[in-house]
Amino acid sequence: MRHLLACMFLLAALPVLADAPDGKTIAEQGNGHGATACVTCHGQTFGGNPGIGAPALAGLPAATIEAKLVHYASPEGHNAMMKQVATSLTPAERDAVATYLASLPKS
């Protein structure tokens, strides 16, 4: 009986696991719901683009990246491009992107 319950729990969790946002995919390709890929402005290695004022993201603490995304999504965020990106990401997507970018070596 325990085995059956454990299997039922795992099967019920599969759709949730399959729908978990992938920070790498979002950072490289966008989310398909209005958030453009981070690489578009921040570079292929997320090392930044000084020419347009896009800072390096690779290796920053996840909490720093997530706090910036929350800021840009708020009324205080005045960068139009980042506001579009941040408001198009769900909280789970923001977390996934921040975690992924924080895992990268600084470039």
PDB file of N, CA and C in Angstrom:
ATOM      1  N   MET A   1       0.823  -1.186   0.000  1.00  0.00           N
ATOM      2  CA  MET A   1       0.000   0.000   0.000  1.00  0.00           C
ATOM      3  C   MET A   1       0.872   1.257   0.000  1.00  0.00           C
ATOM      4  N   ARG A   2       1.947   1.262   0.814  1.00  0.00           N
ATOM      5  CA  ARG A   2       2.834   2.425   0.841  1.00  0.00           C
ATOM      6  C   ARG A   2       3.466   2.667  -0.520  1.00  0.00           C
ATOM      7  N   HIS A   3       3.829   1.586  -1.183  1.00  0.00           N
ATOM      8  CA  HIS A   3       4.442   1.702  -2.503  1.00  0.00           C
ATOM      9  C   HIS A   3       3.455   2.354  -3.482  1.00  0.00           C
ATOM     10  N   LEU A   4       2.229   1.958  -3.418  1.00  0.00           N
ATOM     11  CA  LEU A   4       1.201   2.519  -4.295  1.00  0.00           C
ATOM     12  C   LEU A   4       1.007   4.004  -4.013  1.00  0.00           C
ATOM     13  N   LEU A   5       0.967   4.367  -2.738  1.00  0.00           N
ATOM     14  CA  LEU A   5       0.814   5.782  -2.388  1.00  0.00           C
ATOM     15  C   LEU A   5       2.021   6.597  -2.852  1.00  0.00           C
ATOM     16  N   ALA A   6       3.207   6.050  -2.705  1.00  0.00           N
ATOM     17  CA  ALA A   6       4.409   6.757  -3.146  1.00  0.00           C
ATOM     18  C   ALA A   6       4.390   6.954  -4.656  1.00  0.00           C
ATOM     19  N   CYS A   7       3.980   5.942  -5.388  1.00  0.00           N
ATOM     20  CA  CYS A   7       3.889   6.058  -6.848  1.00  0.00           C
ATOM     21  C   CYS A   7       2.847   7.093  -7.252  1.00  0.00           C
ATOM     22  N   MET A   8       1.719   7.109  -6.559  1.00  0.00           N
ATOM     23  CA  MET A   8       0.668   8.081  -6.875  1.00  0.00           C
ATOM     24  C   MET A   8       1.173   9.502  -6.619  1.00  0.00           C
ATOM     25  N   PHE A   9       1.909   9.690  -5.537  1.00  0.00           N
ATOM     26  CA  PHE A   9       2.459  11.004  -5.226  1.00  0.00           C
ATOM     27  C   PHE A   9       3.430  11.454  -6.308  1.00  0.00           C
ATOM     28  N   LEU A  10       4.328  10.557  -6.729  1.00  0.00           N
ATOM     29  CA  LEU A  10       5.296  10.904  -7.760  1.00  0.00           C
ATOM     30  C   LEU A  10       4.621  11.233  -9.080  1.00  0.00           C
ATOM     31  N   LEU A  11       3.605  10.458  -9.441  1.00  0.00           N
ATOM     32  CA  LEU A  11       2.878  10.732 -10.680  1.00  0.00           C
ATOM     33  C   LEU A  11       2.158  12.076 -10.605  1.00  0.00           C
ATOM     34  N   ALA A  12       1.620  12.404  -9.469  1.00  0.00           N
ATOM     35  CA  ALA A  12       0.941  13.686  -9.300  1.00  0.00           C
ATOM     36  C   ALA A  12       1.927  14.842  -9.376  1.00  0.00           C
ATOM     37  N   ALA A  13       3.158  14.628  -8.966  1.00  0.00           N
ATOM     38  CA  ALA A  13       4.163  15.693  -8.968  1.00  0.00           C
ATOM     39  C   ALA A  13       4.798  15.900 -10.335  1.00  0.00           C
ATOM     40  N   LEU A  14       4.702  14.958 -11.235  1.00  0.00           N
ATOM     41  CA  LEU A  14       5.353  15.079 -12.536  1.00  0.00           C
ATOM     42  C   LEU A  14       4.945  16.331 -13.311  1.00  0.00           C
ATOM     43  N   PRO A  15       3.658  16.669 -13.413  1.00  0.00           N
ATOM     44  CA  PRO A  15       3.331  17.899 -14.147  1.00  0.00           C
ATOM     45  C   PRO A  15       3.954  19.139 -13.517  1.00  0.00           C
ATOM     46  N   VAL A  16       4.050  19.180 -12.214  1.00  0.00           N
ATOM     47  CA  VAL A  16       4.661  20.322 -11.535  1.00  0.00           C
ATOM     48  C   VAL A  16       6.145  20.381 -11.867  1.00  0.00           C
ATOM     49  N   LEU A  17       6.807  19.230 -11.828  1.00  0.00           N
ATOM     50  CA  LEU A  17       8.236  19.192 -12.135  1.00  0.00           C
ATOM     51  C   LEU A  17       8.487  19.558 -13.589  1.00  0.00           C
ATOM     52  N   ALA A  18       7.627  19.114 -14.494  1.00  0.00           N
ATOM     53  CA  ALA A  18       7.789  19.403 -15.908  1.00  0.00           C
ATOM     54  C   ALA A  18       7.575  20.886 -16.190  1.00  0.00           C
ATOM     55  N   ASP A  19       6.770  21.555 -15.399  1.00  0.00           N
ATOM     56  CA  ASP A  19       6.467  22.960 -15.624  1.00  0.00           C
ATOM     57  C   ASP A  19       7.422  23.906 -14.897  1.00  0.00           C
ATOM     58  N   ALA A  20       8.370  23.356 -14.151  1.00  0.00           N
ATOM     59  CA  ALA A  20       9.313  24.209 -13.427  1.00  0.00           C
ATOM     60  C   ALA A  20      10.118  25.014 -14.438  1.00  0.00           C
ATOM     61  N   PRO A  21      10.243  26.316 -14.231  1.00  0.00           N
ATOM     62  CA  PRO A  21      10.971  27.135 -15.198  1.00  0.00           C
ATOM     63  C   PRO A  21      12.449  26.773 -15.239  1.00  0.00           C
ATOM     64  N   ASP A  22      13.015  26.868 -16.419  1.00  0.00           N
ATOM     65  CA  ASP A  22      14.427  26.578 -16.633  1.00  0.00           C
ATOM     66  C   ASP A  22      15.163  27.903 -16.831  1.00  0.00           C
ATOM     67  N   GLY A  23      15.924  28.300 -15.837  1.00  0.00           N
ATOM     68  CA  GLY A  23      16.623  29.579 -15.875  1.00  0.00           C
ATOM     69  C   GLY A  23      17.571  29.713 -17.049  1.00  0.00           C
ATOM     70  N   LYS A  24      18.256  28.644 -17.406  1.00  0.00           N
ATOM     71  CA  LYS A  24      19.191  28.678 -18.536  1.00  0.00           C
ATOM     72  C   LYS A  24      18.448  28.973 -19.830  1.00  0.00           C
ATOM     73  N   THR A  25      17.345  28.286 -20.050  1.00  0.00           N
ATOM     74  CA  THR A  25      16.565  28.492 -21.269  1.00  0.00           C
ATOM     75  C   THR A  25      16.023  29.914 -21.331  1.00  0.00           C
ATOM     76  N   ILE A  26      15.494  30.406 -20.230  1.00  0.00           N
ATOM     77  CA  ILE A  26      14.960  31.769 -20.207  1.00  0.00           C
ATOM     78  C   ILE A  26      16.073  32.775 -20.473  1.00  0.00           C
ATOM     79  N   ALA A  27      17.228  32.604 -19.831  1.00  0.00           N
ATOM     80  CA  ALA A  27      18.347  33.527 -19.996  1.00  0.00           C
ATOM     81  C   ALA A  27      18.861  33.535 -21.439  1.00  0.00           C
ATOM     82  N   GLU A  28      18.822  32.375 -22.089  1.00  0.00           N
ATOM     83  CA  GLU A  28      19.360  32.266 -23.441  1.00  0.00           C
ATOM     84  C   GLU A  28      18.320  32.485 -24.540  1.00  0.00           C
ATOM     85  N   GLN A  29      17.024  32.234 -24.237  1.00  0.00           N
ATOM     86  CA  GLN A  29      16.011  32.293 -25.287  1.00  0.00           C
ATOM     87  C   GLN A  29      14.788  33.132 -24.936  1.00  0.00           C
ATOM     88  N   GLY A  30      14.696  33.613 -23.716  1.00  0.00           N
ATOM     89  CA  GLY A  30      13.499  34.315 -23.270  1.00  0.00           C
ATOM     90  C   GLY A  30      12.465  33.320 -22.769  1.00  0.00           C
ATOM     91  N   ASN A  31      11.308  33.833 -22.352  1.00  0.00           N
ATOM     92  CA  ASN A  31      10.303  32.923 -21.809  1.00  0.00           C
ATOM     93  C   ASN A  31       9.114  32.693 -22.738  1.00  0.00           C
ATOM     94  N   GLY A  32       9.113  33.348 -23.886  1.00  0.00           N
ATOM     95  CA  GLY A  32       8.009  33.166 -24.826  1.00  0.00           C
ATOM     96  C   GLY A  32       6.745  33.911 -24.434  1.00  0.00           C
ATOM     97  N   HIS A  33       6.836  34.715 -23.376  1.00  0.00           N
ATOM     98  CA  HIS A  33       5.676  35.477 -22.898  1.00  0.00           C
ATOM     99  C   HIS A  33       6.035  36.941 -22.685  1.00  0.00           C
ATOM    100  N   GLY A  34       6.976  37.454 -23.482  1.00  0.00           N
ATOM    101  CA  GLY A  34       7.320  38.866 -23.394  1.00  0.00           C
ATOM    102  C   GLY A  34       8.683  39.177 -22.830  1.00  0.00           C
ATOM    103  N   ALA A  35       9.304  38.231 -22.158  1.00  0.00           N
ATOM    104  CA  ALA A  35      10.647  38.468 -21.624  1.00  0.00           C
ATOM    105  C   ALA A  35      11.672  38.044 -22.667  1.00  0.00           C
ATOM    106  N   THR A  36      12.451  38.996 -23.146  1.00  0.00           N
ATOM    107  CA  THR A  36      13.496  38.663 -24.105  1.00  0.00           C
ATOM    108  C   THR A  36      14.648  37.970 -23.376  1.00  0.00           C
ATOM    109  N   ALA A  37      15.485  37.314 -24.140  1.00  0.00           N
ATOM    110  CA  ALA A  37      16.634  36.607 -23.582  1.00  0.00           C
ATOM    111  C   ALA A  37      17.626  37.586 -22.981  1.00  0.00           C
ATOM    112  N   CYS A  38      18.204  37.226 -21.853  1.00  0.00           N
ATOM    113  CA  CYS A  38      19.208  38.068 -21.192  1.00  0.00           C
ATOM    114  C   CYS A  38      20.422  38.284 -22.093  1.00  0.00           C
ATOM    115  N   VAL A  39      20.759  37.256 -22.898  1.00  0.00           N
ATOM    116  CA  VAL A  39      21.929  37.361 -23.778  1.00  0.00           C
ATOM    117  C   VAL A  39      21.789  38.501 -24.781  1.00  0.00           C
ATOM    118  N   THR A  40      20.577  38.901 -25.081  1.00  0.00           N
ATOM    119  CA  THR A  40      20.346  39.955 -26.064  1.00  0.00           C
ATOM    120  C   THR A  40      21.115  41.219 -25.698  1.00  0.00           C
ATOM    121  N   CYS A  41      21.087  41.599 -24.447  1.00  0.00           N
ATOM    122  CA  CYS A  41      21.761  42.821 -24.002  1.00  0.00           C
ATOM    123  C   CYS A  41      23.011  42.547 -23.165  1.00  0.00           C
ATOM    124  N   HIS A  42      22.999  41.473 -22.388  1.00  0.00           N
ATOM    125  CA  HIS A  42      24.066  41.219 -21.424  1.00  0.00           C
ATOM    126  C   HIS A  42      25.192  40.348 -21.981  1.00  0.00           C
ATOM    127  N   GLY A  43      25.084  39.916 -23.248  1.00  0.00           N
ATOM    128  CA  GLY A  43      26.138  39.158 -23.904  1.00  0.00           C
ATOM    129  C   GLY A  43      26.013  37.652 -23.744  1.00  0.00           C
ATOM    130  N   GLN A  44      26.682  36.948 -24.644  1.00  0.00           N
ATOM    131  CA  GLN A  44      26.592  35.482 -24.684  1.00  0.00           C
ATOM    132  C   GLN A  44      27.079  34.803 -23.412  1.00  0.00           C
ATOM    133  N   THR A  45      28.022  35.427 -22.710  1.00  0.00           N
ATOM    134  CA  THR A  45      28.519  34.850 -21.461  1.00  0.00           C
ATOM    135  C   THR A  45      27.990  35.621 -20.254  1.00  0.00           C
ATOM    136  N   PHE A  46      27.044  36.521 -20.513  1.00  0.00           N
ATOM    137  CA  PHE A  46      26.423  37.342 -19.465  1.00  0.00           C
ATOM    138  C   PHE A  46      27.448  38.216 -18.750  1.00  0.00           C
ATOM    139  N   GLY A  47      28.491  38.587 -19.510  1.00  0.00           N
ATOM    140  CA  GLY A  47      29.557  39.426 -18.965  1.00  0.00           C
ATOM    141  C   GLY A  47      29.292  40.910 -19.100  1.00  0.00           C
ATOM    142  N   GLY A  48      28.133  41.263 -19.632  1.00  0.00           N
ATOM    143  CA  GLY A  48      27.759  42.662 -19.753  1.00  0.00           C
ATOM    144  C   GLY A  48      28.065  43.245 -21.117  1.00  0.00           C
ATOM    145  N   ASN A  49      27.533  44.432 -21.357  1.00  0.00           N
ATOM    146  CA  ASN A  49      27.762  45.161 -22.593  1.00  0.00           C
ATOM    147  C   ASN A  49      27.869  46.638 -22.241  1.00  0.00           C
ATOM    148  N   PRO A  50      29.089  47.117 -21.979  1.00  0.00           N
ATOM    149  CA  PRO A  50      29.271  48.505 -21.567  1.00  0.00           C
ATOM    150  C   PRO A  50      28.735  49.512 -22.582  1.00  0.00           C
ATOM    151  N   GLY A  51      28.739  49.144 -23.859  1.00  0.00           N
ATOM    152  CA  GLY A  51      28.276  50.050 -24.897  1.00  0.00           C
ATOM    153  C   GLY A  51      26.833  50.482 -24.736  1.00  0.00           C
ATOM    154  N   ILE A  52      26.021  49.627 -24.129  1.00  0.00           N
ATOM    155  CA  ILE A  52      24.608  49.977 -23.905  1.00  0.00           C
ATOM    156  C   ILE A  52      24.273  50.060 -22.416  1.00  0.00           C
ATOM    157  N   GLY A  53      25.294  49.950 -21.586  1.00  0.00           N
ATOM    158  CA  GLY A  53      25.075  50.058 -20.140  1.00  0.00           C
ATOM    159  C   GLY A  53      24.477  48.820 -19.502  1.00  0.00           C
ATOM    160  N   ALA A  54      24.592  47.659 -20.172  1.00  0.00           N
ATOM    161  CA  ALA A  54      24.077  46.407 -19.602  1.00  0.00           C
ATOM    162  C   ALA A  54      25.168  45.781 -18.733  1.00  0.00           C
ATOM    163  N   PRO A  55      24.930  45.661 -17.442  1.00  0.00           N
ATOM    164  CA  PRO A  55      25.973  45.150 -16.543  1.00  0.00           C
ATOM    165  C   PRO A  55      26.189  43.644 -16.679  1.00  0.00           C
ATOM    166  N   ALA A  56      27.325  43.194 -16.187  1.00  0.00           N
ATOM    167  CA  ALA A  56      27.607  41.760 -16.108  1.00  0.00           C
ATOM    168  C   ALA A  56      26.634  41.123 -15.109  1.00  0.00           C
ATOM    169  N   LEU A  57      26.148  39.943 -15.442  1.00  0.00           N
ATOM    170  CA  LEU A  57      25.239  39.212 -14.559  1.00  0.00           C
ATOM    171  C   LEU A  57      25.852  37.911 -14.045  1.00  0.00           C
ATOM    172  N   ALA A  58      26.756  37.335 -14.822  1.00  0.00           N
ATOM    173  CA  ALA A  58      27.347  36.049 -14.455  1.00  0.00           C
ATOM    174  C   ALA A  58      28.060  36.147 -13.113  1.00  0.00           C
ATOM    175  N   GLY A  59      27.721  35.246 -12.220  1.00  0.00           N
ATOM    176  CA  GLY A  59      28.389  35.153 -10.932  1.00  0.00           C
ATOM    177  C   GLY A  59      27.895  36.098  -9.859  1.00  0.00           C
ATOM    178  N   LEU A  60      26.945  36.976 -10.187  1.00  0.00           N
ATOM    179  CA  LEU A  60      26.369  37.822  -9.134  1.00  0.00           C
ATOM    180  C   LEU A  60      25.548  36.956  -8.189  1.00  0.00           C
ATOM    181  N   PRO A  61      25.391  37.357  -6.945  1.00  0.00           N
ATOM    182  CA  PRO A  61      24.529  36.590  -6.047  1.00  0.00           C
ATOM    183  C   PRO A  61      23.089  36.552  -6.574  1.00  0.00           C
ATOM    184  N   ALA A  62      22.461  35.395  -6.465  1.00  0.00           N
ATOM    185  CA  ALA A  62      21.079  35.236  -6.938  1.00  0.00           C
ATOM    186  C   ALA A  62      20.154  36.262  -6.291  1.00  0.00           C
ATOM    187  N   ALA A  63      20.358  36.536  -5.015  1.00  0.00           N
ATOM    188  CA  ALA A  63      19.501  37.499  -4.316  1.00  0.00           C
ATOM    189  C   ALA A  63      19.622  38.895  -4.925  1.00  0.00           C
ATOM    190  N   THR A  64      20.806  39.254  -5.388  1.00  0.00           N
ATOM    191  CA  THR A  64      21.016  40.561  -6.024  1.00  0.00           C
ATOM    192  C   THR A  64      20.270  40.639  -7.347  1.00  0.00           C
ATOM    193  N   ILE A  65      20.392  39.600  -8.153  1.00  0.00           N
ATOM    194  CA  ILE A  65      19.718  39.567  -9.456  1.00  0.00           C
ATOM    195  C   ILE A  65      18.214  39.592  -9.267  1.00  0.00           C
ATOM    196  N   GLU A  66      17.726  38.778  -8.360  1.00  0.00           N
ATOM    197  CA  GLU A  66      16.288  38.719  -8.128  1.00  0.00           C
ATOM    198  C   GLU A  66      15.757  40.051  -7.591  1.00  0.00           C
ATOM    199  N   ALA A  67      16.501  40.684  -6.706  1.00  0.00           N
ATOM    200  CA  ALA A  67      16.076  41.986  -6.167  1.00  0.00           C
ATOM    201  C   ALA A  67      15.996  43.031  -7.273  1.00  0.00           C
ATOM    202  N   LYS A  68      16.941  43.012  -8.206  1.00  0.00           N
ATOM    203  CA  LYS A  68      16.901  43.950  -9.337  1.00  0.00           C
ATOM    204  C   LYS A  68      15.682  43.691 -10.212  1.00  0.00           C
ATOM    205  N   LEU A  69      15.374  42.418 -10.469  1.00  0.00           N
ATOM    206  CA  LEU A  69      14.200  42.091 -11.284  1.00  0.00           C
ATOM    207  C   LEU A  69      12.912  42.556 -10.600  1.00  0.00           C
ATOM    208  N   VAL A  70      12.837  42.352  -9.305  1.00  0.00           N
ATOM    209  CA  VAL A  70      11.664  42.816  -8.548  1.00  0.00           C
ATOM    210  C   VAL A  70      11.572  44.339  -8.627  1.00  0.00           C
ATOM    211  N   HIS A  71      12.706  45.010  -8.492  1.00  0.00           N
ATOM    212  CA  HIS A  71      12.735  46.477  -8.585  1.00  0.00           C
ATOM    213  C   HIS A  71      12.223  46.938  -9.954  1.00  0.00           C
ATOM    214  N   TYR A  72      12.754  46.358 -11.027  1.00  0.00           N
ATOM    215  CA  TYR A  72      12.340  46.772 -12.366  1.00  0.00           C
ATOM    216  C   TYR A  72      10.860  46.503 -12.625  1.00  0.00           C
ATOM    217  N   ALA A  73      10.317  45.472 -12.007  1.00  0.00           N
ATOM    218  CA  ALA A  73       8.893  45.162 -12.181  1.00  0.00           C
ATOM    219  C   ALA A  73       8.007  46.107 -11.372  1.00  0.00           C
ATOM    220  N   SER A  74       8.588  46.792 -10.412  1.00  0.00           N
ATOM    221  CA  SER A  74       7.817  47.687  -9.542  1.00  0.00           C
ATOM    222  C   SER A  74       7.642  49.056 -10.206  1.00  0.00           C
ATOM    223  N   PRO A  75       6.797  49.891  -9.632  1.00  0.00           N
ATOM    224  CA  PRO A  75       6.630  51.252 -10.172  1.00  0.00           C
ATOM    225  C   PRO A  75       7.922  52.073 -10.128  1.00  0.00           C
ATOM    226  N   GLU A  76       8.871  51.718  -9.265  1.00  0.00           N
ATOM    227  CA  GLU A  76      10.130  52.460  -9.163  1.00  0.00           C
ATOM    228  C   GLU A  76      11.113  52.116 -10.284  1.00  0.00           C
ATOM    229  N   GLY A  77      10.892  51.002 -10.967  1.00  0.00           N
ATOM    230  CA  GLY A  77      11.797  50.595 -12.039  1.00  0.00           C
ATOM    231  C   GLY A  77      11.534  51.405 -13.296  1.00  0.00           C
ATOM    232  N   HIS A  78      12.511  52.205 -13.716  1.00  0.00           N
ATOM    233  CA  HIS A  78      12.289  53.129 -14.832  1.00  0.00           C
ATOM    234  C   HIS A  78      13.015  52.751 -16.120  1.00  0.00           C
ATOM    235  N   ASN A  79      13.716  51.643 -16.155  1.00  0.00           N
ATOM    236  CA  ASN A  79      14.357  51.189 -17.388  1.00  0.00           C
ATOM    237  C   ASN A  79      13.308  50.429 -18.190  1.00  0.00           C
ATOM    238  N   ALA A  80      12.879  51.001 -19.316  1.00  0.00           N
ATOM    239  CA  ALA A  80      11.759  50.439 -20.080  1.00  0.00           C
ATOM    240  C   ALA A  80      12.013  48.994 -20.522  1.00  0.00           C
ATOM    241  N   MET A  81      13.219  48.718 -21.012  1.00  0.00           N
ATOM    242  CA  MET A  81      13.524  47.360 -21.476  1.00  0.00           C
ATOM    243  C   MET A  81      13.476  46.375 -20.312  1.00  0.00           C
ATOM    244  N   MET A  82      14.107  46.730 -19.199  1.00  0.00           N
ATOM    245  CA  MET A  82      14.122  45.826 -18.056  1.00  0.00           C
ATOM    246  C   MET A  82      12.739  45.717 -17.416  1.00  0.00           C
ATOM    247  N   LYS A  83      11.960  46.758 -17.455  1.00  0.00           N
ATOM    248  CA  LYS A  83      10.597  46.676 -16.929  1.00  0.00           C
ATOM    249  C   LYS A  83       9.794  45.654 -17.742  1.00  0.00           C
ATOM    250  N   GLN A  84       9.933  45.688 -19.064  1.00  0.00           N
ATOM    251  CA  GLN A  84       9.242  44.721 -19.929  1.00  0.00           C
ATOM    252  C   GLN A  84       9.660  43.293 -19.575  1.00  0.00           C
ATOM    253  N   VAL A  85      10.958  43.089 -19.426  1.00  0.00           N
ATOM    254  CA  VAL A  85      11.465  41.755 -19.092  1.00  0.00           C
ATOM    255  C   VAL A  85      10.958  41.326 -17.717  1.00  0.00           C
ATOM    256  N   ALA A  86      11.159  42.167 -16.726  1.00  0.00           N
ATOM    257  CA  ALA A  86      10.833  41.795 -15.341  1.00  0.00           C
ATOM    258  C   ALA A  86       9.344  41.553 -15.134  1.00  0.00           C
ATOM    259  N   THR A  87       8.505  42.360 -15.777  1.00  0.00           N
ATOM    260  CA  THR A  87       7.060  42.158 -15.593  1.00  0.00           C
ATOM    261  C   THR A  87       6.545  40.963 -16.390  1.00  0.00           C
ATOM    262  N   SER A  88       7.339  40.491 -17.349  1.00  0.00           N
ATOM    263  CA  SER A  88       6.943  39.325 -18.137  1.00  0.00           C
ATOM    264  C   SER A  88       7.395  38.012 -17.515  1.00  0.00           C
ATOM    265  N   LEU A  89       8.186  38.095 -16.459  1.00  0.00           N
ATOM    266  CA  LEU A  89       8.648  36.892 -15.757  1.00  0.00           C
ATOM    267  C   LEU A  89       7.776  36.643 -14.531  1.00  0.00           C
ATOM    268  N   THR A  90       7.439  35.394 -14.306  1.00  0.00           N
ATOM    269  CA  THR A  90       6.743  35.035 -13.079  1.00  0.00           C
ATOM    270  C   THR A  90       7.764  35.042 -11.941  1.00  0.00           C
ATOM    271  N   PRO A  91       7.316  35.080 -10.695  1.00  0.00           N
ATOM    272  CA  PRO A  91       8.274  34.981  -9.592  1.00  0.00           C
ATOM    273  C   PRO A  91       9.152  33.724  -9.681  1.00  0.00           C
ATOM    274  N   ALA A  92       8.583  32.613 -10.095  1.00  0.00           N
ATOM    275  CA  ALA A  92       9.369  31.378 -10.223  1.00  0.00           C
ATOM    276  C   ALA A  92      10.400  31.505 -11.340  1.00  0.00           C
ATOM    277  N   GLU A  93      10.045  32.176 -12.432  1.00  0.00           N
ATOM    278  CA  GLU A  93      10.997  32.385 -13.519  1.00  0.00           C
ATOM    279  C   GLU A  93      12.116  33.327 -13.085  1.00  0.00           C
ATOM    280  N   ARG A  94      11.776  34.370 -12.337  1.00  0.00           N
ATOM    281  CA  ARG A  94      12.811  35.281 -11.821  1.00  0.00           C
ATOM    282  C   ARG A  94      13.806  34.510 -10.965  1.00  0.00           C
ATOM    283  N   ASP A  95      13.283  33.672 -10.100  1.00  0.00           N
ATOM    284  CA  ASP A  95      14.137  32.867  -9.222  1.00  0.00           C
ATOM    285  C   ASP A  95      15.020  31.930 -10.038  1.00  0.00           C
ATOM    286  N   ALA A  96      14.438  31.283 -11.045  1.00  0.00           N
ATOM    287  CA  ALA A  96      15.197  30.333 -11.865  1.00  0.00           C
ATOM    288  C   ALA A  96      16.315  31.039 -12.633  1.00  0.00           C
ATOM    289  N   VAL A  97      16.015  32.201 -13.207  1.00  0.00           N
ATOM    290  CA  VAL A  97      17.029  32.959 -13.946  1.00  0.00           C
ATOM    291  C   VAL A  97      18.124  33.430 -13.001  1.00  0.00           C
ATOM    292  N   ALA A  98      17.738  33.963 -11.857  1.00  0.00           N
ATOM    293  CA  ALA A  98      18.720  34.455 -10.882  1.00  0.00           C
ATOM    294  C   ALA A  98      19.624  33.322 -10.411  1.00  0.00           C
ATOM    295  N   THR A  99      19.047  32.174 -10.131  1.00  0.00           N
ATOM    296  CA  THR A  99      19.832  31.017  -9.681  1.00  0.00           C
ATOM    297  C   THR A  99      20.799  30.566 -10.763  1.00  0.00           C
ATOM    298  N   TYR A 100      20.310  30.520 -12.000  1.00  0.00           N
ATOM    299  CA  TYR A 100      21.185  30.103 -13.109  1.00  0.00           C
ATOM    300  C   TYR A 100      22.340  31.085 -13.289  1.00  0.00           C
ATOM    301  N   LEU A 101      22.037  32.365 -13.387  1.00  0.00           N
ATOM    302  CA  LEU A 101      23.085  33.365 -13.609  1.00  0.00           C
ATOM    303  C   LEU A 101      24.104  33.378 -12.463  1.00  0.00           C
ATOM    304  N   ALA A 102      23.640  33.187 -11.255  1.00  0.00           N
ATOM    305  CA  ALA A 102      24.548  33.163 -10.099  1.00  0.00           C
ATOM    306  C   ALA A 102      25.488  31.963 -10.145  1.00  0.00           C
ATOM    307  N   SER A 103      25.060  30.891 -10.804  1.00  0.00           N
ATOM    308  CA  SER A 103      25.883  29.681 -10.873  1.00  0.00           C
ATOM    309  C   SER A 103      27.021  29.786 -11.878  1.00  0.00           C
ATOM    310  N   LEU A 104      26.986  30.809 -12.716  1.00  0.00           N
ATOM    311  CA  LEU A 104      27.997  30.952 -13.765  1.00  0.00           C
ATOM    312  C   LEU A 104      29.260  31.621 -13.232  1.00  0.00           C
ATOM    313  N   PRO A 105      30.393  31.299 -13.838  1.00  0.00           N
ATOM    314  CA  PRO A 105      31.619  32.002 -13.433  1.00  0.00           C
ATOM    315  C   PRO A 105      31.572  33.441 -13.922  1.00  0.00           C
ATOM    316  N   LYS A 106      32.157  34.331 -13.152  1.00  0.00           N
ATOM    317  CA  LYS A 106      32.234  35.730 -13.582  1.00  0.00           C
ATOM    318  C   LYS A 106      33.078  35.786 -14.847  1.00  0.00           C
ATOM    319  N   SER A 107      32.622  36.601 -15.780  1.00  0.00           N
ATOM    320  CA  SER A 107      33.392  36.690 -17.029  1.00  0.00           C
ATOM    321  C   SER A 107      33.929  38.083 -17.243  1.00  0.00           C
TER     322      SER A 107
END
